[in-house]
Amino acid sequence: MTPFAEHSAMPRAMRTPMLLLPLLTGLLGGCAVPQTPPPMPTAQTPAVKALSNAVPFAIDPRSGAIAAEERARVARTVAGLGRDTTPHVTVTGPLLAAPARTAVASLLGEAGVPPENVTFAPDQTGAPALQVTSYVALAPDCAAWSDIYSGWYQNSPTAALGCSNQRNLALMLADPRDLVQGRETVPADGQRMAGAVQRYRADQVKPFVKGNSTSAFVLSPALNGSQEEQ
């Protein structure tokens, strides 16, 4: 046996406990009680609330004639109900002829209601009325940074991930009803799209800044926006 082996050799009495130590560690680990992970929090999403109001109005069901005062009152009322969001209107009452439907659509257009949000549903149960429904998106209340930081430090699940995106979505929506039911796509206007391409190729696109030619904004190496002339 070399001198190095003599000095590095471990006594038999010490080697036995060292060999048993991994076995004992495994046995003790098997006796540990498994901990139930905390429940996953519900994701924060915008809630959509529908507000309905009935606005009676007087109209000739054949000619569509509406008195000037009545027209101003209805337009003012509908515009007030859709002050924050784009309303949806269902026209109920007697069956309206084509001129009357055109007059109603024009009146609602003055109040800020697009034609695609107007539905005619005659029911023959009473006088003409506008069933105005406005949808409001309730933005989620995101947690404070201190709560989020605590959850990350403890490696625990949190509902804050993506909450700010959902909140911004609720605040920016022009029509919160899109969160309930998406609108059907309409065919694209091919001539309009082709005209835009032709104007671009002919260099007839209006400049963003008056008096300048086509300009573009680029990012400098310092990430500062600067304007360059093309």
Protein backbone atom coordinates (compact mmCIF):
# COMPACT_ATOMS: atom_id res chain seq x y z
CA MET A 1 0.00 0.00 0.00
CA THR A 2 1.36 3.40 -0.96
CA PRO A 3 1.81 6.15 1.64
CA PHE A 4 -1.01 8.12 -0.05
CA ALA A 5 -3.37 5.16 0.21
CA GLU A 6 -2.47 4.70 3.86
CA HIS A 7 -3.36 8.31 4.70
CA SER A 8 -6.53 8.42 2.53
CA ALA A 9 -7.98 5.11 3.60
CA MET A 10 -11.14 5.48 5.73
CA PRO A 11 -11.57 3.22 8.77
CA ARG A 12 -14.22 0.53 8.36
CA ALA A 13 -16.13 1.86 11.38
CA MET A 14 -16.61 5.22 9.64
CA ARG A 15 -17.39 3.83 6.18
CA THR A 16 -20.46 1.87 7.31
CA PRO A 17 -22.44 4.90 8.58
CA MET A 18 -21.50 6.86 5.48
CA LEU A 19 -22.86 4.10 3.27
CA LEU A 20 -26.10 3.96 5.24
CA LEU A 21 -26.64 7.73 5.15
CA PRO A 22 -28.14 7.87 1.60
CA LEU A 23 -30.44 4.95 2.45
CA LEU A 24 -31.69 6.66 5.60
CA THR A 25 -32.19 9.91 3.70
CA GLY A 26 -34.37 8.15 1.12
CA LEU A 27 -36.43 6.46 3.82
CA LEU A 28 -37.05 9.74 5.61
CA GLY A 29 -38.02 11.40 2.35
CA GLY A 30 -40.60 8.70 1.72
CA CYS A 31 -42.23 9.48 5.06
CA ALA A 32 -42.74 13.15 4.19
CA VAL A 33 -46.38 14.21 3.83
CA PRO A 34 -47.06 15.59 0.32
CA GLN A 35 -48.31 19.15 0.35
CA THR A 36 -51.40 20.07 -1.65
CA PRO A 37 -50.54 22.80 -4.15
CA PRO A 38 -52.56 26.00 -3.79
CA PRO A 39 -55.53 26.33 -6.14
CA MET A 40 -54.99 28.18 -9.36
CA PRO A 41 -56.64 31.61 -9.22
CA THR A 42 -59.27 32.50 -11.77
CA ALA A 43 -57.96 34.61 -14.63
CA GLN A 44 -59.06 38.22 -14.56
CA THR A 45 -61.25 38.92 -17.59
CA PRO A 46 -63.57 41.83 -18.41
CA ALA A 47 -67.21 41.42 -17.45
CA VAL A 48 -69.81 42.68 -19.92
CA LYS A 49 -73.00 44.26 -18.62
CA ALA A 50 -76.01 45.01 -20.84
CA LEU A 51 -78.15 48.09 -20.15
CA SER A 52 -81.54 48.16 -21.91
CA ASN A 53 -83.92 51.10 -22.30
CA ALA A 54 -87.12 51.55 -24.30
CA VAL A 55 -87.58 54.84 -26.15
CA PRO A 56 -91.08 55.31 -27.63
CA PHE A 57 -91.35 57.57 -30.65
CA ALA A 58 -93.98 58.73 -33.10
CA ILE A 59 -93.55 57.99 -36.79
CA ASP A 60 -95.80 57.49 -39.77
CA PRO A 61 -95.37 53.76 -40.52
CA ARG A 62 -95.86 54.37 -44.24
CA SER A 63 -94.14 57.62 -45.16
CA GLY A 64 -91.68 57.73 -42.26
CA ALA A 65 -92.60 61.31 -41.39
CA ILE A 66 -91.28 62.39 -37.97
CA ALA A 67 -91.95 65.76 -36.38
CA ALA A 68 -88.89 67.96 -35.93
CA GLU A 69 -89.28 68.14 -32.14
CA GLU A 70 -89.79 64.37 -31.93
CA ARG A 71 -86.75 63.76 -34.08
CA ALA A 72 -84.57 65.99 -31.90
CA ARG A 73 -85.85 64.35 -28.71
CA VAL A 74 -85.22 60.80 -29.91
CA ALA A 75 -81.77 61.62 -31.27
CA ARG A 76 -80.80 63.33 -28.01
CA THR A 77 -82.09 60.43 -25.89
CA VAL A 78 -80.40 57.69 -27.92
CA ALA A 79 -77.13 59.64 -28.06
CA GLY A 80 -77.20 59.98 -24.28
CA LEU A 81 -77.76 56.25 -23.80
CA GLY A 82 -74.79 55.52 -26.06
CA ARG A 83 -72.54 58.16 -24.58
CA ASP A 84 -69.84 55.71 -23.49
CA THR A 85 -70.29 52.82 -25.92
CA THR A 86 -71.89 52.11 -29.27
CA PRO A 87 -75.54 51.13 -28.67
CA HIS A 88 -77.57 48.47 -30.44
CA VAL A 89 -81.16 49.35 -31.34
CA THR A 90 -84.09 47.05 -32.09
CA VAL A 91 -87.12 48.78 -33.62
CA THR A 92 -90.36 47.21 -32.38
CA GLY A 93 -94.03 47.98 -32.97
CA PRO A 94 -96.00 47.96 -36.22
CA LEU A 95 -94.48 46.92 -39.51
CA LEU A 96 -92.72 49.88 -41.11
CA ALA A 97 -92.63 50.48 -44.83
CA ALA A 98 -89.33 50.99 -46.63
CA PRO A 99 -89.45 54.84 -46.41
CA ALA A 100 -90.13 54.61 -42.68
CA ARG A 101 -87.24 52.19 -42.12
CA THR A 102 -84.94 54.53 -44.03
CA ALA A 103 -86.09 57.46 -41.88
CA VAL A 104 -85.46 55.51 -38.67
CA ALA A 105 -81.98 54.46 -39.83
CA SER A 106 -81.19 58.09 -40.69
CA LEU A 107 -82.43 59.27 -37.30
CA LEU A 108 -80.36 56.68 -35.45
CA GLY A 109 -77.34 57.57 -37.57
CA GLU A 110 -77.60 61.13 -36.29
CA ALA A 111 -77.53 59.70 -32.76
CA GLY A 112 -74.32 57.77 -33.45
CA VAL A 113 -75.79 54.32 -34.15
CA PRO A 114 -74.23 52.64 -37.22
CA PRO A 115 -76.60 50.90 -39.66
CA GLU A 116 -75.28 47.43 -38.78
CA ASN A 117 -76.43 47.97 -35.17
CA VAL A 118 -80.07 48.58 -36.17
CA THR A 119 -82.53 45.68 -36.29
CA PHE A 120 -86.21 45.83 -37.22
CA ALA A 121 -88.41 43.37 -35.32
CA PRO A 122 -92.09 44.26 -35.80
CA ASP A 123 -94.33 42.66 -33.20
CA GLN A 124 -97.68 44.41 -33.78
CA THR A 125 -98.14 44.75 -30.01
CA GLY A 126 -98.03 48.49 -29.54
CA ALA A 127 -96.70 51.84 -30.66
CA PRO A 128 -93.30 52.16 -32.31
CA ALA A 129 -90.41 52.01 -29.86
CA LEU A 130 -86.65 51.81 -29.92
CA GLN A 131 -85.18 49.12 -27.69
CA VAL A 132 -81.74 50.58 -26.99
CA THR A 133 -79.15 48.21 -25.53
CA SER A 134 -75.75 49.49 -24.48
CA TYR A 135 -72.96 47.14 -23.46
CA VAL A 136 -70.45 48.19 -20.83
CA ALA A 137 -67.16 46.36 -20.24
CA LEU A 138 -66.16 46.27 -16.58
CA ALA A 139 -62.37 46.30 -16.44
CA PRO A 140 -60.78 43.88 -13.94
CA ASP A 141 -59.09 45.30 -10.87
CA CYS A 142 -55.47 44.22 -11.18
CA ALA A 143 -53.38 43.61 -8.08
CA ALA A 144 -50.86 46.09 -6.80
CA TRP A 145 -47.17 45.55 -7.54
CA SER A 146 -46.48 44.61 -3.92
CA ASP A 147 -48.95 41.72 -4.13
CA ILE A 148 -47.52 40.54 -7.45
CA TYR A 149 -43.94 40.73 -6.16
CA SER A 150 -44.87 38.72 -3.07
CA GLY A 151 -46.41 35.99 -5.22
CA TRP A 152 -43.32 35.75 -7.40
CA TYR A 153 -41.02 35.62 -4.40
CA GLN A 154 -43.01 32.75 -2.89
CA ASN A 155 -43.29 30.96 -6.26
CA SER A 156 -47.08 30.80 -5.87
CA PRO A 157 -49.69 31.03 -8.64
CA THR A 158 -51.06 34.45 -9.39
CA ALA A 159 -53.94 35.84 -11.41
CA ALA A 160 -52.04 39.02 -12.23
CA LEU A 161 -50.44 37.57 -15.36
CA GLY A 162 -52.17 39.18 -18.34
CA CYS A 163 -54.48 41.25 -16.14
CA SER A 164 -53.22 44.56 -17.50
CA ASN A 165 -53.82 43.39 -21.07
CA GLN A 166 -57.40 42.44 -20.22
CA ARG A 167 -57.94 45.76 -18.46
CA ASN A 168 -56.63 47.77 -21.41
CA LEU A 169 -58.83 45.75 -23.76
CA ALA A 170 -61.93 46.59 -21.71
CA LEU A 171 -61.04 50.29 -21.65
CA MET A 172 -60.33 50.57 -25.39
CA LEU A 173 -63.30 48.65 -26.82
CA ALA A 174 -65.68 50.77 -28.88
CA ASP A 175 -68.37 48.08 -28.66
CA PRO A 176 -68.01 45.73 -25.66
CA ARG A 177 -70.59 43.43 -27.23
CA ASP A 178 -67.72 42.08 -29.33
CA LEU A 179 -66.56 40.25 -26.19
CA VAL A 180 -69.92 38.46 -26.02
CA GLN A 181 -70.42 37.69 -29.70
CA GLY A 182 -68.08 38.54 -32.54
CA ARG A 183 -69.44 40.37 -35.53
CA GLU A 184 -69.65 38.69 -38.89
CA THR A 185 -67.03 39.73 -41.38
CA VAL A 186 -68.23 41.63 -44.42
CA PRO A 187 -66.80 41.28 -47.93
CA ALA A 188 -63.88 43.61 -48.57
CA ASP A 189 -64.16 46.37 -51.15
CA GLY A 190 -61.74 45.20 -53.82
CA GLN A 191 -61.83 48.45 -55.79
CA ARG A 192 -60.98 50.50 -52.72
CA MET A 193 -58.09 48.22 -51.82
CA ALA A 194 -56.75 48.26 -55.38
CA GLY A 195 -57.04 52.05 -55.49
CA ALA A 196 -54.92 52.41 -52.37
CA VAL A 197 -52.19 50.26 -53.92
CA GLN A 198 -52.30 52.25 -57.16
CA ARG A 199 -52.00 55.57 -55.30
CA TYR A 200 -49.02 54.22 -53.40
CA ARG A 201 -47.29 53.07 -56.58
CA ALA A 202 -47.97 56.42 -58.27
CA ASP A 203 -46.53 58.26 -55.25
CA GLN A 204 -49.84 60.00 -54.61
CA VAL A 205 -50.02 59.13 -50.93
CA LYS A 206 -50.57 62.20 -48.77
CA PRO A 207 -47.55 62.97 -46.55
CA PHE A 208 -47.93 62.77 -42.79
CA VAL A 209 -46.34 66.20 -42.35
CA LYS A 210 -47.38 69.11 -44.54
CA GLY A 211 -44.64 70.52 -46.72
CA ASN A 212 -42.51 67.39 -46.54
CA SER A 213 -42.15 64.45 -48.83
CA THR A 214 -42.79 60.93 -47.71
CA SER A 215 -41.20 60.57 -44.29
CA ALA A 216 -40.58 57.72 -41.94
CA PHE A 217 -39.66 57.40 -38.31
CA VAL A 218 -36.75 55.16 -37.41
CA LEU A 219 -35.18 54.17 -34.13
CA SER A 220 -31.64 55.27 -33.46
CA PRO A 221 -29.19 52.99 -31.62
CA ALA A 222 -30.16 54.81 -28.42
CA LEU A 223 -33.83 53.86 -29.08
CA ASN A 224 -34.79 57.50 -29.57
CA GLY A 225 -37.29 58.27 -32.32
CA SER A 226 -35.90 60.48 -35.08
CA GLN A 227 -37.29 61.59 -38.40
CA GLU A 228 -35.52 60.93 -41.66
CA GLU A 229 -36.34 62.32 -45.03
CA GLN A 230 -36.74 59.73 -47.73
